[in-house]
Amino acid sequence: MHFITNLFSKHPADVGETYLQHMAMAFGFGAKMIGSGLACLVHGIFPFFCVSTGSQTVTKLHDKMVAHRNQSCQEGPQPAR
């Protein structure tokens, strides 16, 4: 049973999050990537639309992940709210 629990908790703990915090972050990132991906598809057909949406999203998500991870790793896991 400990093996199963570890599967769900090890990576979130490694990045300074609880399971629920990690799930919320991943869902938020995923939703933004889906929206940006759709904008990239539109841009492929209409090159004058969504000119920088994809690159801006990648930059913002990268910055948020790195900044959040650095902060979380220094503070350790936070209790779920």
N, C-alpha and C. Protein backbone atom coordinates (compact mmCIF):
# COMPACT_ATOMS: atom_id res chain seq x y z
N MET A 1 0.83 -1.22 0.00
CA MET A 1 0.00 0.00 0.00
C MET A 1 0.86 1.26 0.00
N HIS A 2 1.98 1.21 0.71
CA HIS A 2 2.87 2.37 0.75
C HIS A 2 3.38 2.72 -0.66
N PHE A 3 3.61 1.71 -1.48
CA PHE A 3 4.06 1.94 -2.86
C PHE A 3 3.05 2.79 -3.62
N ILE A 4 1.77 2.46 -3.49
CA ILE A 4 0.70 3.20 -4.18
C ILE A 4 0.65 4.64 -3.68
N THR A 5 0.69 4.82 -2.37
CA THR A 5 0.66 6.17 -1.79
C THR A 5 1.86 6.97 -2.28
N ASN A 6 3.01 6.32 -2.34
CA ASN A 6 4.22 6.99 -2.79
C ASN A 6 4.11 7.45 -4.25
N LEU A 7 3.44 6.66 -5.07
CA LEU A 7 3.25 7.03 -6.48
C LEU A 7 2.55 8.39 -6.61
N PHE A 8 1.61 8.64 -5.72
CA PHE A 8 0.82 9.87 -5.79
C PHE A 8 1.43 11.04 -5.01
N SER A 9 2.35 10.77 -4.11
CA SER A 9 2.85 11.85 -3.26
C SER A 9 4.31 12.21 -3.47
N LYS A 10 5.12 11.33 -4.04
CA LYS A 10 6.55 11.59 -4.13
C LYS A 10 6.87 12.82 -4.99
N HIS A 11 6.40 12.84 -6.23
CA HIS A 11 6.73 13.98 -7.10
C HIS A 11 6.18 15.29 -6.55
N PRO A 12 4.90 15.37 -6.12
CA PRO A 12 4.45 16.64 -5.54
C PRO A 12 5.33 17.08 -4.36
N ALA A 13 5.70 16.15 -3.50
CA ALA A 13 6.56 16.50 -2.37
C ALA A 13 7.93 16.97 -2.84
N ASP A 14 8.44 16.35 -3.89
CA ASP A 14 9.74 16.74 -4.44
C ASP A 14 9.76 18.18 -4.93
N VAL A 15 8.60 18.69 -5.37
CA VAL A 15 8.53 20.08 -5.84
C VAL A 15 7.88 21.00 -4.81
N GLY A 16 7.73 20.51 -3.57
CA GLY A 16 7.25 21.36 -2.49
C GLY A 16 5.76 21.58 -2.46
N GLU A 17 4.99 20.61 -2.95
CA GLU A 17 3.53 20.75 -2.98
C GLU A 17 2.87 19.51 -2.40
N THR A 18 1.63 19.69 -1.96
CA THR A 18 0.82 18.54 -1.61
C THR A 18 0.24 17.98 -2.90
N TYR A 19 -0.38 16.82 -2.80
CA TYR A 19 -1.01 16.21 -3.97
C TYR A 19 -2.05 17.15 -4.58
N LEU A 20 -2.92 17.72 -3.76
CA LEU A 20 -3.99 18.59 -4.27
C LEU A 20 -3.43 19.89 -4.85
N GLN A 21 -2.41 20.45 -4.23
CA GLN A 21 -1.78 21.66 -4.78
C GLN A 21 -1.17 21.35 -6.14
N HIS A 22 -0.50 20.22 -6.24
CA HIS A 22 0.14 19.84 -7.50
C HIS A 22 -0.92 19.60 -8.58
N MET A 23 -2.01 18.96 -8.22
CA MET A 23 -3.08 18.71 -9.18
C MET A 23 -3.66 20.04 -9.68
N ALA A 24 -3.88 20.99 -8.78
CA ALA A 24 -4.43 22.29 -9.17
C ALA A 24 -3.47 23.03 -10.11
N MET A 25 -2.18 23.00 -9.80
CA MET A 25 -1.20 23.65 -10.67
C MET A 25 -1.18 22.97 -12.05
N ALA A 26 -1.16 21.65 -12.07
CA ALA A 26 -1.10 20.92 -13.34
C ALA A 26 -2.36 21.18 -14.17
N PHE A 27 -3.52 21.19 -13.54
CA PHE A 27 -4.76 21.47 -14.27
C PHE A 27 -4.73 22.88 -14.86
N GLY A 28 -4.25 23.86 -14.07
CA GLY A 28 -4.17 25.23 -14.56
C GLY A 28 -3.22 25.36 -15.74
N PHE A 29 -2.06 24.71 -15.62
CA PHE A 29 -1.10 24.73 -16.73
C PHE A 29 -1.70 24.06 -17.95
N GLY A 30 -2.34 22.92 -17.75
CA GLY A 30 -2.92 22.18 -18.87
C GLY A 30 -3.98 23.00 -19.60
N ALA A 31 -4.84 23.67 -18.84
CA ALA A 31 -5.90 24.48 -19.45
C ALA A 31 -5.29 25.62 -20.28
N LYS A 32 -4.26 26.26 -19.73
CA LYS A 32 -3.60 27.35 -20.47
C LYS A 32 -2.93 26.82 -21.73
N MET A 33 -2.32 25.65 -21.64
CA MET A 33 -1.66 25.08 -22.82
C MET A 33 -2.67 24.68 -23.89
N ILE A 34 -3.82 24.16 -23.48
CA ILE A 34 -4.86 23.82 -24.46
C ILE A 34 -5.34 25.08 -25.17
N GLY A 35 -5.63 26.13 -24.39
CA GLY A 35 -6.07 27.40 -24.99
C GLY A 35 -5.03 27.97 -25.92
N SER A 36 -3.78 27.95 -25.51
CA SER A 36 -2.70 28.45 -26.36
C SER A 36 -2.51 27.58 -27.60
N GLY A 37 -2.68 26.27 -27.43
CA GLY A 37 -2.57 25.36 -28.57
C GLY A 37 -3.64 25.65 -29.61
N LEU A 38 -4.84 25.93 -29.14
CA LEU A 38 -5.93 26.29 -30.07
C LEU A 38 -5.60 27.59 -30.80
N ALA A 39 -5.03 28.55 -30.05
CA ALA A 39 -4.63 29.82 -30.67
C ALA A 39 -3.55 29.57 -31.73
N CYS A 40 -2.64 28.63 -31.48
CA CYS A 40 -1.60 28.30 -32.47
C CYS A 40 -2.21 27.68 -33.71
N LEU A 41 -3.24 26.86 -33.54
CA LEU A 41 -3.91 26.27 -34.70
C LEU A 41 -4.59 27.36 -35.53
N VAL A 42 -5.24 28.31 -34.85
CA VAL A 42 -5.86 29.43 -35.56
C VAL A 42 -4.77 30.22 -36.29
N HIS A 43 -3.66 30.46 -35.61
CA HIS A 43 -2.55 31.21 -36.21
C HIS A 43 -2.01 30.50 -37.46
N GLY A 44 -2.00 29.19 -37.43
CA GLY A 44 -1.52 28.44 -38.59
C GLY A 44 -2.37 28.69 -39.83
N ILE A 45 -3.67 28.84 -39.63
CA ILE A 45 -4.58 29.08 -40.75
C ILE A 45 -4.62 30.57 -41.11
N PHE A 46 -4.67 31.40 -40.08
CA PHE A 46 -4.74 32.85 -40.26
C PHE A 46 -3.51 33.48 -39.59
N PRO A 47 -2.40 33.60 -40.29
CA PRO A 47 -1.15 34.03 -39.67
C PRO A 47 -1.17 35.42 -39.05
N PHE A 48 -2.20 36.19 -39.34
CA PHE A 48 -2.31 37.53 -38.78
C PHE A 48 -3.04 37.53 -37.44
N PHE A 49 -3.61 36.39 -37.01
CA PHE A 49 -4.25 36.26 -35.69
C PHE A 49 -3.30 35.56 -34.72
N CYS A 50 -3.42 35.90 -33.46
CA CYS A 50 -2.70 35.20 -32.38
C CYS A 50 -1.20 35.11 -32.68
N VAL A 51 -0.61 36.20 -33.11
CA VAL A 51 0.78 36.21 -33.56
C VAL A 51 1.76 35.80 -32.46
N SER A 52 1.53 36.24 -31.24
CA SER A 52 2.49 35.93 -30.17
C SER A 52 1.88 35.15 -29.02
N THR A 53 0.66 34.68 -29.16
CA THR A 53 -0.03 33.99 -28.07
C THR A 53 0.74 32.77 -27.59
N GLY A 54 1.17 31.93 -28.50
CA GLY A 54 1.87 30.70 -28.12
C GLY A 54 3.17 30.98 -27.39
N SER A 55 4.00 31.85 -27.95
CA SER A 55 5.30 32.14 -27.33
C SER A 55 5.13 32.85 -25.99
N GLN A 56 4.17 33.75 -25.89
CA GLN A 56 3.93 34.43 -24.61
C GLN A 56 3.46 33.45 -23.55
N THR A 57 2.60 32.52 -23.93
CA THR A 57 2.10 31.54 -22.97
C THR A 57 3.23 30.64 -22.48
N VAL A 58 4.06 30.17 -23.39
CA VAL A 58 5.18 29.32 -22.99
C VAL A 58 6.10 30.07 -22.03
N THR A 59 6.41 31.32 -22.34
CA THR A 59 7.29 32.12 -21.48
C THR A 59 6.67 32.32 -20.10
N LYS A 60 5.39 32.69 -20.05
CA LYS A 60 4.72 32.92 -18.76
C LYS A 60 4.64 31.64 -17.94
N LEU A 61 4.30 30.53 -18.59
CA LEU A 61 4.19 29.27 -17.85
C LEU A 61 5.55 28.82 -17.34
N HIS A 62 6.57 28.98 -18.15
CA HIS A 62 7.92 28.62 -17.70
C HIS A 62 8.33 29.47 -16.51
N ASP A 63 8.13 30.78 -16.62
CA ASP A 63 8.50 31.67 -15.51
C ASP A 63 7.73 31.31 -14.25
N LYS A 64 6.44 31.03 -14.39
CA LYS A 64 5.62 30.69 -13.23
C LYS A 64 6.09 29.37 -12.61
N MET A 65 6.39 28.40 -13.44
CA MET A 65 6.82 27.10 -12.92
C MET A 65 8.15 27.23 -12.19
N VAL A 66 9.09 27.91 -12.79
CA VAL A 66 10.41 28.05 -12.18
C VAL A 66 10.32 28.86 -10.90
N ALA A 67 9.63 29.99 -10.94
CA ALA A 67 9.50 30.84 -9.76
C ALA A 67 8.75 30.12 -8.66
N HIS A 68 7.64 29.46 -9.02
CA HIS A 68 6.84 28.74 -8.03
C HIS A 68 7.63 27.59 -7.43
N ARG A 69 8.32 26.84 -8.26
CA ARG A 69 9.08 25.69 -7.77
C ARG A 69 10.21 26.15 -6.86
N ASN A 70 10.91 27.22 -7.22
CA ASN A 70 11.98 27.72 -6.36
C ASN A 70 11.44 28.17 -5.01
N GLN A 71 10.31 28.85 -5.02
CA GLN A 71 9.69 29.32 -3.78
C GLN A 71 9.19 28.14 -2.96
N SER A 72 8.51 27.20 -3.61
CA SER A 72 7.95 26.05 -2.90
C SER A 72 9.02 25.17 -2.31
N CYS A 73 10.10 24.97 -3.03
CA CYS A 73 11.18 24.11 -2.53
C CYS A 73 11.85 24.72 -1.32
N GLN A 74 11.89 26.04 -1.24
CA GLN A 74 12.48 26.70 -0.08
C GLN A 74 11.55 26.61 1.12
N GLU A 75 10.23 26.67 0.88
CA GLU A 75 9.25 26.68 1.98
C GLU A 75 8.81 25.29 2.38
N GLY A 76 8.86 24.33 1.46
CA GLY A 76 8.37 22.98 1.74
C GLY A 76 6.89 22.91 1.43
N PRO A 77 6.29 21.69 1.53
CA PRO A 77 4.87 21.52 1.22
C PRO A 77 3.99 22.37 2.12
N GLN A 78 2.96 22.94 1.53
CA GLN A 78 2.00 23.75 2.27
C GLN A 78 0.72 22.95 2.46
N PRO A 79 0.02 23.12 3.58
CA PRO A 79 -1.24 22.40 3.77
C PRO A 79 -2.29 22.85 2.75
N ALA A 80 -3.13 21.92 2.32
CA ALA A 80 -4.20 22.24 1.35
C ALA A 80 -5.19 23.19 2.01
N ARG A 81 -5.73 24.11 1.19
CA ARG A 81 -6.71 25.07 1.71
C ARG A 81 -8.07 24.77 1.19
